[in-house]
Each structure stands twice: as structure tokens, then as C-alpha cells.
Amino acid sequence: MFIPKNEILIYGANDPVSGGSIKDALSRQMEYRFFPVREAELKADITYIALNEKQTIETDSAKVTSILMNHPASGKRLNTMMLCIIYQR
């Protein structure tokens, strides 16, 4: 995030209550009072990609699915050949 020319893709669901994007949520978490580096100071090329509920992104060895949880955030389900992890942000 701090190195120029690095490319970072951040996938996340929109907030189902406020409708805010993953970029909005991370921007709030990275406000200076919570995080020592302001978002504007990050040098990498960061792209935010919104996921719909139950949308799955696949890589060579894993699938990540956005799931709605009874919490003010969405969750993710990560499946690989060896394990399954479900977490919330």
C-alpha cells in the first residue's frame, strides 16, 4: 500500500444498511484518529471492487463468496481444496 506502482485490488460488499461502499468503510477506518497513515498518503494504485451478496470470485486455488451476516458488515466465505473459512470484516 505504501510503495508506488504496486497495484492492489480490494473486493468487498456494499453495506446493506447504509449502502456505503467498501471504499467508504475502509476510508472511515483509516481516518487519522484510528490509523497513522491517511488514505491520501498511500502510494499504491488501489482499486475497490464491489461484490453483490453471494457473488463468488475465483482464483487458481480458492473461491471467495460474499455473504450477508446478522452484523453491520458483510462476511466472506473462503473455500480451498484444504479448508473453508468464514469471517466478517
C-alpha atoms as a PDB file:
ATOM      1  CA  MET A   1       0.000   0.000   0.000  1.00  0.00           C
ATOM      2  CA  PHE A   2       2.919   2.302   0.586  1.00  0.00           C
ATOM      3  CA  ILE A   3       5.022   1.508  -2.482  1.00  0.00           C
ATOM      4  CA  PRO A   4       4.347   3.478  -5.686  1.00  0.00           C
ATOM      5  CA  LYS A   5       3.316   1.431  -8.729  1.00  0.00           C
ATOM      6  CA  ASN A   6       2.043  -1.506  -6.637  1.00  0.00           C
ATOM      7  CA  GLU A   7      -1.460  -2.499  -7.693  1.00  0.00           C
ATOM      8  CA  ILE A   8      -3.937  -3.637  -5.049  1.00  0.00           C
ATOM      9  CA  LEU A   9      -7.449  -4.955  -5.666  1.00  0.00           C
ATOM     10  CA  ILE A  10      -9.823  -4.811  -2.682  1.00  0.00           C
ATOM     11  CA  TYR A  11     -13.066  -6.737  -3.016  1.00  0.00           C
ATOM     12  CA  GLY A  12     -15.954  -6.121  -0.624  1.00  0.00           C
ATOM     13  CA  ALA A  13     -19.698  -5.881  -0.408  1.00  0.00           C
ATOM     14  CA  ASN A  14     -21.610  -2.651  -0.001  1.00  0.00           C
ATOM     15  CA  ASP A  15     -23.016  -2.027   3.470  1.00  0.00           C
ATOM     16  CA  PRO A  16     -26.593  -3.407   3.363  1.00  0.00           C
ATOM     17  CA  VAL A  17     -27.838  -0.824   5.885  1.00  0.00           C
ATOM     18  CA  SER A  18     -26.228   2.427   4.744  1.00  0.00           C
ATOM     19  CA  GLY A  19     -25.491   1.449   1.156  1.00  0.00           C
ATOM     20  CA  GLY A  20     -21.923   2.666   1.619  1.00  0.00           C
ATOM     21  CA  SER A  21     -19.178   1.062  -0.435  1.00  0.00           C
ATOM     22  CA  ILE A  22     -16.167  -0.944   0.722  1.00  0.00           C
ATOM     23  CA  LYS A  23     -14.083   2.136  -0.125  1.00  0.00           C
ATOM     24  CA  ASP A  24     -16.249   4.250   2.213  1.00  0.00           C
ATOM     25  CA  ALA A  25     -15.870   1.712   5.039  1.00  0.00           C
ATOM     26  CA  LEU A  26     -12.097   1.474   4.699  1.00  0.00           C
ATOM     27  CA  SER A  27     -11.762   5.252   4.373  1.00  0.00           C
ATOM     28  CA  ARG A  28     -13.554   5.678   7.712  1.00  0.00           C
ATOM     29  CA  GLN A  29     -11.342   3.040   9.364  1.00  0.00           C
ATOM     30  CA  MET A  30      -8.233   4.770   8.028  1.00  0.00           C
ATOM     31  CA  GLU A  31      -9.094   8.212   9.377  1.00  0.00           C
ATOM     32  CA  TYR A  32      -6.091   9.714  11.106  1.00  0.00           C
ATOM     33  CA  ARG A  33      -7.561   9.296  14.599  1.00  0.00           C
ATOM     34  CA  PHE A  34      -7.649   5.497  14.048  1.00  0.00           C
ATOM     35  CA  PHE A  35      -4.753   4.903  11.637  1.00  0.00           C
ATOM     36  CA  PRO A  36      -1.377   6.671  11.441  1.00  0.00           C
ATOM     37  CA  VAL A  37      -1.348   6.970   7.631  1.00  0.00           C
ATOM     38  CA  ARG A  38      -4.071   8.851   5.789  1.00  0.00           C
ATOM     39  CA  GLU A  39      -5.632   7.177   2.763  1.00  0.00           C
ATOM     40  CA  ALA A  40      -4.410  10.041   0.557  1.00  0.00           C
ATOM     41  CA  GLU A  41      -0.827   9.207   1.586  1.00  0.00           C
ATOM     42  CA  LEU A  42      -0.980   5.662   0.213  1.00  0.00           C
ATOM     43  CA  LYS A  43       1.169   5.402  -2.896  1.00  0.00           C
ATOM     44  CA  ALA A  44      -0.115   2.154  -4.439  1.00  0.00           C
ATOM     45  CA  ASP A  45      -2.745   2.063  -7.159  1.00  0.00           C
ATOM     46  CA  ILE A  46      -5.752   0.799  -5.168  1.00  0.00           C
ATOM     47  CA  THR A  47      -8.907  -0.396  -6.909  1.00  0.00           C
ATOM     48  CA  TYR A  48     -12.080  -1.126  -4.941  1.00  0.00           C
ATOM     49  CA  ILE A  49     -14.459  -3.709  -6.413  1.00  0.00           C
ATOM     50  CA  ALA A  50     -17.989  -4.067  -5.031  1.00  0.00           C
ATOM     51  CA  LEU A  51     -19.405  -7.557  -4.620  1.00  0.00           C
ATOM     52  CA  ASN A  52     -23.075  -8.413  -4.598  1.00  0.00           C
ATOM     53  CA  GLU A  53     -24.437 -10.779  -1.946  1.00  0.00           C
ATOM     54  CA  LYS A  54     -23.485 -14.390  -2.750  1.00  0.00           C
ATOM     55  CA  GLN A  55     -21.203 -13.266  -5.580  1.00  0.00           C
ATOM     56  CA  THR A  56     -18.156 -15.522  -5.912  1.00  0.00           C
ATOM     57  CA  ILE A  57     -14.676 -14.557  -7.059  1.00  0.00           C
ATOM     58  CA  GLU A  58     -12.413 -17.425  -8.140  1.00  0.00           C
ATOM     59  CA  THR A  59      -8.627 -17.667  -8.243  1.00  0.00           C
ATOM     60  CA  ASP A  60      -6.468 -20.604  -9.265  1.00  0.00           C
ATOM     61  CA  SER A  61      -6.873 -22.342  -5.910  1.00  0.00           C
ATOM     62  CA  ALA A  62      -9.689 -20.658  -3.985  1.00  0.00           C
ATOM     63  CA  LYS A  63     -13.222 -19.294  -4.178  1.00  0.00           C
ATOM     64  CA  VAL A  64     -14.327 -16.275  -2.102  1.00  0.00           C
ATOM     65  CA  THR A  65     -18.068 -15.651  -1.692  1.00  0.00           C
ATOM     66  CA  SER A  66     -19.663 -12.540  -0.166  1.00  0.00           C
ATOM     67  CA  ILE A  67     -22.372 -13.435   2.363  1.00  0.00           C
ATOM     68  CA  LEU A  68     -24.802 -11.281   4.348  1.00  0.00           C
ATOM     69  CA  MET A  69     -24.473 -11.691   8.116  1.00  0.00           C
ATOM     70  CA  ASN A  70     -26.554 -10.537  11.077  1.00  0.00           C
ATOM     71  CA  HIS A  71     -23.975  -7.852  11.794  1.00  0.00           C
ATOM     72  CA  PRO A  72     -23.411  -4.317  10.474  1.00  0.00           C
ATOM     73  CA  ALA A  73     -20.940  -5.747   7.967  1.00  0.00           C
ATOM     74  CA  SER A  74     -20.818  -8.451   5.371  1.00  0.00           C
ATOM     75  CA  GLY A  75     -18.888 -11.675   5.636  1.00  0.00           C
ATOM     76  CA  LYS A  76     -16.766 -13.721   3.294  1.00  0.00           C
ATOM     77  CA  ARG A  77     -16.506 -17.446   2.745  1.00  0.00           C
ATOM     78  CA  LEU A  78     -13.148 -18.732   1.508  1.00  0.00           C
ATOM     79  CA  ASN A  79     -13.042 -22.243   0.058  1.00  0.00           C
ATOM     80  CA  THR A  80      -9.894 -24.056  -0.970  1.00  0.00           C
ATOM     81  CA  MET A  81      -9.209 -27.735  -1.512  1.00  0.00           C
ATOM     82  CA  MET A  82      -7.922 -27.967   2.072  1.00  0.00           C
ATOM     83  CA  LEU A  83     -10.200 -25.722   4.132  1.00  0.00           C
ATOM     84  CA  CYS A  84     -13.202 -23.431   4.428  1.00  0.00           C
ATOM     85  CA  ILE A  85     -13.079 -20.167   6.410  1.00  0.00           C
ATOM     86  CA  ILE A  86     -15.979 -17.796   7.073  1.00  0.00           C
ATOM     87  CA  TYR A  87     -15.223 -14.368   8.510  1.00  0.00           C
ATOM     88  CA  GLN A  88     -16.675 -10.888   8.794  1.00  0.00           C
ATOM     89  CA  ARG A  89     -14.989  -7.555   8.288  1.00  0.00           C
END
